[in-house]
Amino acid sequence: MPRSAVNNGRVLKTDGTAECDACGLPLFPYAIEGERVLLECANHHHAAVPLPRDPAVRRAVDGWIARRGAQLHEQHERWGTDDEEETR
C-alpha cells in the first residue's frame, strides 16, 4: 500500500491509518494536535505522525476523526452521560 508520512519509522498509509509497532493492529487517527496526527490502536497503544501533506490522506484522517467523534457522541447519548456532565 502506498505511504505518505514517516515519523521515526512509523508510516501513515494512504487510508489515514498506520501499523502499531507494539501489537501490529491498525492505529486509527483520533485527533490532530498542532502539526501532528494522534493515533490509537484497539489495545490503547498511542503514536503520533506529522500531518500528511497529501490532501487525499488528510481527508482520510479527517474522516476517521469525524467518525470517532460521532461514535462517542452516540455512546454518550445512549448512556445518558451528556446529561450527567451538564449537571456537574
PDB file of N, CA and C in Angstrom:
ATOM      1  N   MET A   1       0.861  -1.184   0.000  1.00  0.00           N
ATOM      2  CA  MET A   1       0.000   0.000   0.000  1.00  0.00           C
ATOM      3  C   MET A   1       0.900   1.237   0.000  1.00  0.00           C
ATOM      4  N   PRO A   2       0.593   2.256  -0.799  1.00  0.00           N
ATOM      5  CA  PRO A   2       1.398   3.477  -0.802  1.00  0.00           C
ATOM      6  C   PRO A   2       1.380   4.154   0.567  1.00  0.00           C
ATOM      7  N   ARG A   3       2.428   4.877   0.846  1.00  0.00           N
ATOM      8  CA  ARG A   3       2.564   5.525   2.147  1.00  0.00           C
ATOM      9  C   ARG A   3       2.801   7.012   1.942  1.00  0.00           C
ATOM     10  N   SER A   4       2.453   7.827   2.982  1.00  0.00           N
ATOM     11  CA  SER A   4       2.562   9.264   2.765  1.00  0.00           C
ATOM     12  C   SER A   4       3.393  10.016   3.794  1.00  0.00           C
ATOM     13  N   ALA A   5       3.517   9.525   5.011  1.00  0.00           N
ATOM     14  CA  ALA A   5       4.265  10.263   6.022  1.00  0.00           C
ATOM     15  C   ALA A   5       5.020   9.300   6.908  1.00  0.00           C
ATOM     16  N   VAL A   6       6.229   9.662   7.295  1.00  0.00           N
ATOM     17  CA  VAL A   6       7.058   8.801   8.133  1.00  0.00           C
ATOM     18  C   VAL A   6       7.487   9.576   9.360  1.00  0.00           C
ATOM     19  N   ASN A   7       7.477   8.940  10.534  1.00  0.00           N
ATOM     20  CA  ASN A   7       7.954   9.546  11.768  1.00  0.00           C
ATOM     21  C   ASN A   7       8.604   8.457  12.605  1.00  0.00           C
ATOM     22  N   ASN A   8       9.921   8.518  12.739  1.00  0.00           N
ATOM     23  CA  ASN A   8      10.657   7.506  13.499  1.00  0.00           C
ATOM     24  C   ASN A   8      10.300   6.099  13.032  1.00  0.00           C
ATOM     25  N   GLY A   9      10.185   5.913  11.748  1.00  0.00           N
ATOM     26  CA  GLY A   9       9.875   4.608  11.209  1.00  0.00           C
ATOM     27  C   GLY A   9       8.387   4.313  11.090  1.00  0.00           C
ATOM     28  N   ARG A  10       7.542   5.068  11.757  1.00  0.00           N
ATOM     29  CA  ARG A  10       6.094   4.847  11.669  1.00  0.00           C
ATOM     30  C   ARG A  10       5.603   5.498  10.386  1.00  0.00           C
ATOM     31  N   VAL A  11       4.760   4.790   9.677  1.00  0.00           N
ATOM     32  CA  VAL A  11       4.289   5.249   8.374  1.00  0.00           C
ATOM     33  C   VAL A  11       2.782   5.410   8.394  1.00  0.00           C
ATOM     34  N   LEU A  12       2.310   6.545   7.917  1.00  0.00           N
ATOM     35  CA  LEU A  12       0.883   6.782   7.758  1.00  0.00           C
ATOM     36  C   LEU A  12       0.505   6.347   6.348  1.00  0.00           C
ATOM     37  N   LYS A  13      -0.418   5.395   6.250  1.00  0.00           N
ATOM     38  CA  LYS A  13      -0.830   4.859   4.955  1.00  0.00           C
ATOM     39  C   LYS A  13      -1.799   5.817   4.266  1.00  0.00           C
ATOM     40  N   THR A  14      -2.075   5.547   3.007  1.00  0.00           N
ATOM     41  CA  THR A  14      -2.955   6.423   2.240  1.00  0.00           C
ATOM     42  C   THR A  14      -4.388   6.419   2.748  1.00  0.00           C
ATOM     43  N   ASP A  15      -4.767   5.396   3.535  1.00  0.00           N
ATOM     44  CA  ASP A  15      -6.123   5.372   4.104  1.00  0.00           C
ATOM     45  C   ASP A  15      -6.191   6.107   5.438  1.00  0.00           C
ATOM     46  N   GLY A  16      -5.085   6.732   5.854  1.00  0.00           N
ATOM     47  CA  GLY A  16      -5.053   7.516   7.086  1.00  0.00           C
ATOM     48  C   GLY A  16      -4.723   6.720   8.328  1.00  0.00           C
ATOM     49  N   THR A  17      -4.403   5.436   8.189  1.00  0.00           N
ATOM     50  CA  THR A  17      -4.058   4.604   9.336  1.00  0.00           C
ATOM     51  C   THR A  17      -2.567   4.285   9.316  1.00  0.00           C
ATOM     52  N   ALA A  18      -2.103   3.642  10.385  1.00  0.00           N
ATOM     53  CA  ALA A  18      -0.715   3.179  10.464  1.00  0.00           C
ATOM     54  C   ALA A  18      -0.724   1.839  11.178  1.00  0.00           C
ATOM     55  N   GLU A  19       0.412   1.174  11.217  1.00  0.00           N
ATOM     56  CA  GLU A  19       0.519  -0.093  11.926  1.00  0.00           C
ATOM     57  C   GLU A  19       1.164   0.129  13.282  1.00  0.00           C
ATOM     58  N   CYS A  20       0.586  -0.474  14.318  1.00  0.00           N
ATOM     59  CA  CYS A  20       1.115  -0.353  15.676  1.00  0.00           C
ATOM     60  C   CYS A  20       2.392  -1.178  15.800  1.00  0.00           C
ATOM     61  N   ASP A  21       3.469  -0.556  16.256  1.00  0.00           N
ATOM     62  CA  ASP A  21       4.729  -1.267  16.443  1.00  0.00           C
ATOM     63  C   ASP A  21       4.634  -2.289  17.568  1.00  0.00           C
ATOM     64  N   ALA A  22       3.797  -2.037  18.557  1.00  0.00           N
ATOM     65  CA  ALA A  22       3.716  -2.900  19.732  1.00  0.00           C
ATOM     66  C   ALA A  22       2.928  -4.188  19.472  1.00  0.00           C
ATOM     67  N   CYS A  23       1.819  -4.081  18.721  1.00  0.00           N
ATOM     68  CA  CYS A  23       0.956  -5.260  18.572  1.00  0.00           C
ATOM     69  C   CYS A  23       0.592  -5.587  17.127  1.00  0.00           C
ATOM     70  N   GLY A  24       0.901  -4.706  16.189  1.00  0.00           N
ATOM     71  CA  GLY A  24       0.611  -4.969  14.790  1.00  0.00           C
ATOM     72  C   GLY A  24      -0.793  -4.611  14.339  1.00  0.00           C
ATOM     73  N   LEU A  25      -1.654  -4.179  15.273  1.00  0.00           N
ATOM     74  CA  LEU A  25      -3.006  -3.763  14.894  1.00  0.00           C
ATOM     75  C   LEU A  25      -2.970  -2.401  14.217  1.00  0.00           C
ATOM     76  N   PRO A  26      -4.030  -2.057  13.506  1.00  0.00           N
ATOM     77  CA  PRO A  26      -4.073  -0.729  12.893  1.00  0.00           C
ATOM     78  C   PRO A  26      -4.186   0.370  13.952  1.00  0.00           C
ATOM     79  N   LEU A  27      -3.476   1.447  13.722  1.00  0.00           N
ATOM     80  CA  LEU A  27      -3.603   2.667  14.524  1.00  0.00           C
ATOM     81  C   LEU A  27      -4.534   3.598  13.759  1.00  0.00           C
ATOM     82  N   PHE A  28      -5.550   4.112  14.451  1.00  0.00           N
ATOM     83  CA  PHE A  28      -6.527   4.999  13.818  1.00  0.00           C
ATOM     84  C   PHE A  28      -6.377   6.417  14.359  1.00  0.00           C
ATOM     85  N   PRO A  29      -6.487   7.423  13.487  1.00  0.00           N
ATOM     86  CA  PRO A  29      -6.428   8.809  13.956  1.00  0.00           C
ATOM     87  C   PRO A  29      -7.599   9.120  14.879  1.00  0.00           C
ATOM     88  N   TYR A  30      -7.309   9.830  15.979  1.00  0.00           N
ATOM     89  CA  TYR A  30      -8.389  10.265  16.864  1.00  0.00           C
ATOM     90  C   TYR A  30      -8.337  11.758  17.143  1.00  0.00           C
ATOM     91  N   ALA A  31      -7.251  12.431  16.775  1.00  0.00           N
ATOM     92  CA  ALA A  31      -7.163  13.876  16.993  1.00  0.00           C
ATOM     93  C   ALA A  31      -6.005  14.435  16.185  1.00  0.00           C
ATOM     94  N   ILE A  32      -6.080  15.738  15.977  1.00  0.00           N
ATOM     95  CA  ILE A  32      -4.962  16.491  15.401  1.00  0.00           C
ATOM     96  C   ILE A  32      -4.529  17.484  16.458  1.00  0.00           C
ATOM     97  N   GLU A  33      -3.252  17.468  16.774  1.00  0.00           N
ATOM     98  CA  GLU A  33      -2.704  18.358  17.791  1.00  0.00           C
ATOM     99  C   GLU A  33      -1.552  19.133  17.161  1.00  0.00           C
ATOM    100  N   GLY A  34      -1.771  20.415  16.949  1.00  0.00           N
ATOM    101  CA  GLY A  34      -0.743  21.211  16.283  1.00  0.00           C
ATOM    102  C   GLY A  34      -0.514  20.692  14.874  1.00  0.00           C
ATOM    103  N   GLU A  35       0.689  20.253  14.611  1.00  0.00           N
ATOM    104  CA  GLU A  35       1.048  19.731  13.292  1.00  0.00           C
ATOM    105  C   GLU A  35       1.195  18.211  13.317  1.00  0.00           C
ATOM    106  N   ARG A  36       0.570  17.545  14.289  1.00  0.00           N
ATOM    107  CA  ARG A  36       0.688  16.092  14.418  1.00  0.00           C
ATOM    108  C   ARG A  36      -0.680  15.432  14.438  1.00  0.00           C
ATOM    109  N   VAL A  37      -0.735  14.224  13.885  1.00  0.00           N
ATOM    110  CA  VAL A  37      -1.924  13.382  13.943  1.00  0.00           C
ATOM    111  C   VAL A  37      -1.696  12.389  15.079  1.00  0.00           C
ATOM    112  N   LEU A  38      -2.638  12.318  16.021  1.00  0.00           N
ATOM    113  CA  LEU A  38      -2.547  11.381  17.130  1.00  0.00           C
ATOM    114  C   LEU A  38      -3.332  10.126  16.766  1.00  0.00           C
ATOM    115  N   LEU A  39      -2.708   8.964  17.007  1.00  0.00           N
ATOM    116  CA  LEU A  39      -3.283   7.686  16.615  1.00  0.00           C
ATOM    117  C   LEU A  39      -3.392   6.756  17.818  1.00  0.00           C
ATOM    118  N   GLU A  40      -4.343   5.812  17.751  1.00  0.00           N
ATOM    119  CA  GLU A  40      -4.517   4.826  18.815  1.00  0.00           C
ATOM    120  C   GLU A  40      -5.007   3.519  18.199  1.00  0.00           C
ATOM    121  N   CYS A  41      -4.503   2.383  18.731  1.00  0.00           N
ATOM    122  CA  CYS A  41      -4.994   1.079  18.286  1.00  0.00           C
ATOM    123  C   CYS A  41      -6.002   0.546  19.298  1.00  0.00           C
ATOM    124  N   ALA A  42      -6.590  -0.595  19.001  1.00  0.00           N
ATOM    125  CA  ALA A  42      -7.601  -1.190  19.881  1.00  0.00           C
ATOM    126  C   ALA A  42      -7.022  -1.580  21.236  1.00  0.00           C
ATOM    127  N   ASN A  43      -5.711  -1.786  21.300  1.00  0.00           N
ATOM    128  CA  ASN A  43      -5.057  -2.118  22.570  1.00  0.00           C
ATOM    129  C   ASN A  43      -4.602  -0.872  23.321  1.00  0.00           C
ATOM    130  N   HIS A  44      -5.049   0.288  22.881  1.00  0.00           N
ATOM    131  CA  HIS A  44      -4.762   1.590  23.504  1.00  0.00           C
ATOM    132  C   HIS A  44      -3.284   1.970  23.464  1.00  0.00           C
ATOM    133  N   HIS A  45      -2.562   1.480  22.456  1.00  0.00           N
ATOM    134  CA  HIS A  45      -1.210   1.980  22.211  1.00  0.00           C
ATOM    135  C   HIS A  45      -1.353   3.271  21.416  1.00  0.00           C
ATOM    136  N   HIS A  46      -0.488   4.237  21.683  1.00  0.00           N
ATOM    137  CA  HIS A  46      -0.585   5.547  21.042  1.00  0.00           C
ATOM    138  C   HIS A  46       0.642   5.853  20.204  1.00  0.00           C
ATOM    139  N   ALA A  47       0.446   6.691  19.213  1.00  0.00           N
ATOM    140  CA  ALA A  47       1.526   7.148  18.355  1.00  0.00           C
ATOM    141  C   ALA A  47       1.140   8.513  17.788  1.00  0.00           C
ATOM    142  N   ALA A  48       2.120   9.173  17.200  1.00  0.00           N
ATOM    143  CA  ALA A  48       1.873  10.459  16.540  1.00  0.00           C
ATOM    144  C   ALA A  48       2.731  10.535  15.287  1.00  0.00           C
ATOM    145  N   VAL A  49       2.166  11.110  14.252  1.00  0.00           N
ATOM    146  CA  VAL A  49       2.888  11.328  12.995  1.00  0.00           C
ATOM    147  C   VAL A  49       2.605  12.751  12.538  1.00  0.00           C
ATOM    148  N   PRO A  50       3.482  13.306  11.702  1.00  0.00           N
ATOM    149  CA  PRO A  50       3.210  14.649  11.168  1.00  0.00           C
ATOM    150  C   PRO A  50       1.939  14.653  10.315  1.00  0.00           C
ATOM    151  N   LEU A  51       1.284  15.810  10.269  1.00  0.00           N
ATOM    152  CA  LEU A  51       0.120  15.952   9.383  1.00  0.00           C
ATOM    153  C   LEU A  51       0.531  15.612   7.962  1.00  0.00           C
ATOM    154  N   PRO A  52      -0.272  14.827   7.256  1.00  0.00           N
ATOM    155  CA  PRO A  52       0.080  14.489   5.881  1.00  0.00           C
ATOM    156  C   PRO A  52      -0.048  15.706   4.966  1.00  0.00           C
ATOM    157  N   ARG A  53       0.828  15.792   4.012  1.00  0.00           N
ATOM    158  CA  ARG A  53       0.774  16.879   3.025  1.00  0.00           C
ATOM    159  C   ARG A  53      -0.207  16.569   1.902  1.00  0.00           C
ATOM    160  N   ASP A  54      -0.386  15.289   1.629  1.00  0.00           N
ATOM    161  CA  ASP A  54      -1.285  14.851   0.562  1.00  0.00           C
ATOM    162  C   ASP A  54      -2.731  15.148   0.974  1.00  0.00           C
ATOM    163  N   PRO A  55      -3.467  15.948   0.178  1.00  0.00           N
ATOM    164  CA  PRO A  55      -4.849  16.293   0.532  1.00  0.00           C
ATOM    165  C   PRO A  55      -5.760  15.075   0.687  1.00  0.00           C
ATOM    166  N   ALA A  56      -5.572  14.040  -0.115  1.00  0.00           N
ATOM    167  CA  ALA A  56      -6.419  12.852  -0.023  1.00  0.00           C
ATOM    168  C   ALA A  56      -6.186  12.126   1.305  1.00  0.00           C
ATOM    169  N   VAL A  57      -4.946  12.043   1.736  1.00  0.00           N
ATOM    170  CA  VAL A  57      -4.646  11.390   3.018  1.00  0.00           C
ATOM    171  C   VAL A  57      -5.168  12.250   4.160  1.00  0.00           C
ATOM    172  N   ARG A  58      -5.044  13.556   4.035  1.00  0.00           N
ATOM    173  CA  ARG A  58      -5.566  14.462   5.067  1.00  0.00           C
ATOM    174  C   ARG A  58      -7.078  14.304   5.205  1.00  0.00           C
ATOM    175  N   ARG A  59      -7.789  14.159   4.084  1.00  0.00           N
ATOM    176  CA  ARG A  59      -9.232  13.932   4.130  1.00  0.00           C
ATOM    177  C   ARG A  59      -9.549  12.601   4.811  1.00  0.00           C
ATOM    178  N   ALA A  60      -8.739  11.577   4.547  1.00  0.00           N
ATOM    179  CA  ALA A  60      -8.942  10.279   5.199  1.00  0.00           C
ATOM    180  C   ALA A  60      -8.767  10.409   6.707  1.00  0.00           C
ATOM    181  N   VAL A  61      -7.733  11.128   7.134  1.00  0.00           N
ATOM    182  CA  VAL A  61      -7.502  11.362   8.567  1.00  0.00           C
ATOM    183  C   VAL A  61      -8.683  12.107   9.165  1.00  0.00           C
ATOM    184  N   ASP A  62      -9.125  13.175   8.511  1.00  0.00           N
ATOM    185  CA  ASP A  62     -10.276  13.946   8.998  1.00  0.00           C
ATOM    186  C   ASP A  62     -11.523  13.067   9.102  1.00  0.00           C
ATOM    187  N   GLY A  63     -11.696  12.162   8.139  1.00  0.00           N
ATOM    188  CA  GLY A  63     -12.839  11.252   8.164  1.00  0.00           C
ATOM    189  C   GLY A  63     -12.808  10.312   9.360  1.00  0.00           C
ATOM    190  N   TRP A  64     -11.643   9.748   9.659  1.00  0.00           N
ATOM    191  CA  TRP A  64     -11.522   8.871  10.829  1.00  0.00           C
ATOM    192  C   TRP A  64     -11.857   9.640  12.108  1.00  0.00           C
ATOM    193  N   ILE A  65     -11.354  10.840  12.216  1.00  0.00           N
ATOM    194  CA  ILE A  65     -11.590  11.643  13.423  1.00  0.00           C
ATOM    195  C   ILE A  65     -13.072  11.991  13.551  1.00  0.00           C
ATOM    196  N   ALA A  66     -13.711  12.350  12.443  1.00  0.00           N
ATOM    197  CA  ALA A  66     -15.138  12.695  12.469  1.00  0.00           C
ATOM    198  C   ALA A  66     -15.985  11.491  12.870  1.00  0.00           C
ATOM    199  N   ARG A  67     -15.663  10.321  12.310  1.00  0.00           N
ATOM    200  CA  ARG A  67     -16.438   9.120  12.651  1.00  0.00           C
ATOM    201  C   ARG A  67     -16.267   8.759  14.122  1.00  0.00           C
ATOM    202  N   ARG A  68     -15.060   8.899  14.636  1.00  0.00           N
ATOM    203  CA  ARG A  68     -14.840   8.598  16.055  1.00  0.00           C
ATOM    204  C   ARG A  68     -15.640   9.561  16.930  1.00  0.00           C
ATOM    205  N   GLY A  69     -15.651  10.828  16.573  1.00  0.00           N
ATOM    206  CA  GLY A  69     -16.422  11.810  17.335  1.00  0.00           C
ATOM    207  C   GLY A  69     -17.907  11.506  17.307  1.00  0.00           C
ATOM    208  N   ALA A  70     -18.413  11.107  16.155  1.00  0.00           N
ATOM    209  CA  ALA A  70     -19.833  10.760  16.040  1.00  0.00           C
ATOM    210  C   ALA A  70     -20.151   9.523  16.868  1.00  0.00           C
ATOM    211  N   GLN A  71     -19.251   8.556  16.874  1.00  0.00           N
ATOM    212  CA  GLN A  71     -19.463   7.344  17.661  1.00  0.00           C
ATOM    213  C   GLN A  71     -19.490   7.670  19.151  1.00  0.00           C
ATOM    214  N   LEU A  72     -18.556   8.476  19.612  1.00  0.00           N
ATOM    215  CA  LEU A  72     -18.520   8.850  21.027  1.00  0.00           C
ATOM    216  C   LEU A  72     -19.763   9.626  21.424  1.00  0.00           C
ATOM    217  N   HIS A  73     -20.229  10.511  20.549  1.00  0.00           N
ATOM    218  CA  HIS A  73     -21.440  11.277  20.820  1.00  0.00           C
ATOM    219  C   HIS A  73     -22.637  10.335  20.982  1.00  0.00           C
ATOM    220  N   GLU A  74     -22.750   9.378  20.076  1.00  0.00           N
ATOM    221  CA  GLU A  74     -23.857   8.411  20.137  1.00  0.00           C
ATOM    222  C   GLU A  74     -23.783   7.593  21.428  1.00  0.00           C
ATOM    223  N   GLN A  75     -22.586   7.176  21.823  1.00  0.00           N
ATOM    224  CA  GLN A  75     -22.440   6.417  23.065  1.00  0.00           C
ATOM    225  C   GLN A  75     -22.870   7.250  24.263  1.00  0.00           C
ATOM    226  N   HIS A  76     -22.476   8.499  24.295  1.00  0.00           N
ATOM    227  CA  HIS A  76     -22.857   9.372  25.403  1.00  0.00           C
ATOM    228  C   HIS A  76     -24.372   9.562  25.454  1.00  0.00           C
ATOM    229  N   GLU A  77     -25.002   9.699  24.287  1.00  0.00           N
ATOM    230  CA  GLU A  77     -26.460   9.841  24.255  1.00  0.00           C
ATOM    231  C   GLU A  77     -27.149   8.582  24.759  1.00  0.00           C
ATOM    232  N   ARG A  78     -26.648   7.430  24.328  1.00  0.00           N
ATOM    233  CA  ARG A  78     -27.263   6.164  24.753  1.00  0.00           C
ATOM    234  C   ARG A  78     -27.099   5.942  26.249  1.00  0.00           C
ATOM    235  N   TRP A  79     -25.956   6.309  26.775  1.00  0.00           N
ATOM    236  CA  TRP A  79     -25.671   6.065  28.190  1.00  0.00           C
ATOM    237  C   TRP A  79     -26.122   7.221  29.074  1.00  0.00           C
ATOM    238  N   GLY A  80     -26.551   8.322  28.461  1.00  0.00           N
ATOM    239  CA  GLY A  80     -27.017   9.460  29.234  1.00  0.00           C
ATOM    240  C   GLY A  80     -25.913  10.228  29.937  1.00  0.00           C
ATOM    241  N   THR A  81     -24.679  10.065  29.513  1.00  0.00           N
ATOM    242  CA  THR A  81     -23.581  10.743  30.203  1.00  0.00           C
ATOM    243  C   THR A  81     -23.499  12.222  29.858  1.00  0.00           C
ATOM    244  N   ASP A  82     -24.074  12.642  28.735  1.00  0.00           N
ATOM    245  CA  ASP A  82     -24.079  14.073  28.419  1.00  0.00           C
ATOM    246  C   ASP A  82     -24.870  14.846  29.466  1.00  0.00           C
ATOM    247  N   ASP A  83     -26.006  14.282  29.903  1.00  0.00           N
ATOM    248  CA  ASP A  83     -26.826  14.932  30.913  1.00  0.00           C
ATOM    249  C   ASP A  83     -26.095  15.030  32.249  1.00  0.00           C
ATOM    250  N   GLU A  84     -25.369  13.979  32.618  1.00  0.00           N
ATOM    251  CA  GLU A  84     -24.638  13.972  33.876  1.00  0.00           C
ATOM    252  C   GLU A  84     -23.559  15.042  33.898  1.00  0.00           C
ATOM    253  N   GLU A  85     -22.883  15.215  32.755  1.00  0.00           N
ATOM    254  CA  GLU A  85     -21.815  16.200  32.684  1.00  0.00           C
ATOM    255  C   GLU A  85     -22.371  17.615  32.807  1.00  0.00           C
ATOM    256  N   GLU A  86     -23.563  17.846  32.274  1.00  0.00           N
ATOM    257  CA  GLU A  86     -24.157  19.186  32.324  1.00  0.00           C
ATOM    258  C   GLU A  86     -24.602  19.568  33.726  1.00  0.00           C
ATOM    259  N   THR A  87     -24.923  18.584  34.573  1.00  0.00           N
ATOM    260  CA  THR A  87     -25.402  18.878  35.918  1.00  0.00           C
ATOM    261  C   THR A  87     -24.276  19.067  36.909  1.00  0.00           C
ATOM    262  N   ARG A  88     -23.060  18.785  36.511  1.00  0.00           N
ATOM    263  CA  ARG A  88     -21.918  18.944  37.421  1.00  0.00           C
ATOM    264  C   ARG A  88     -21.473  20.365  37.509  1.00  0.00           C
TER     265      ARG A  88
END
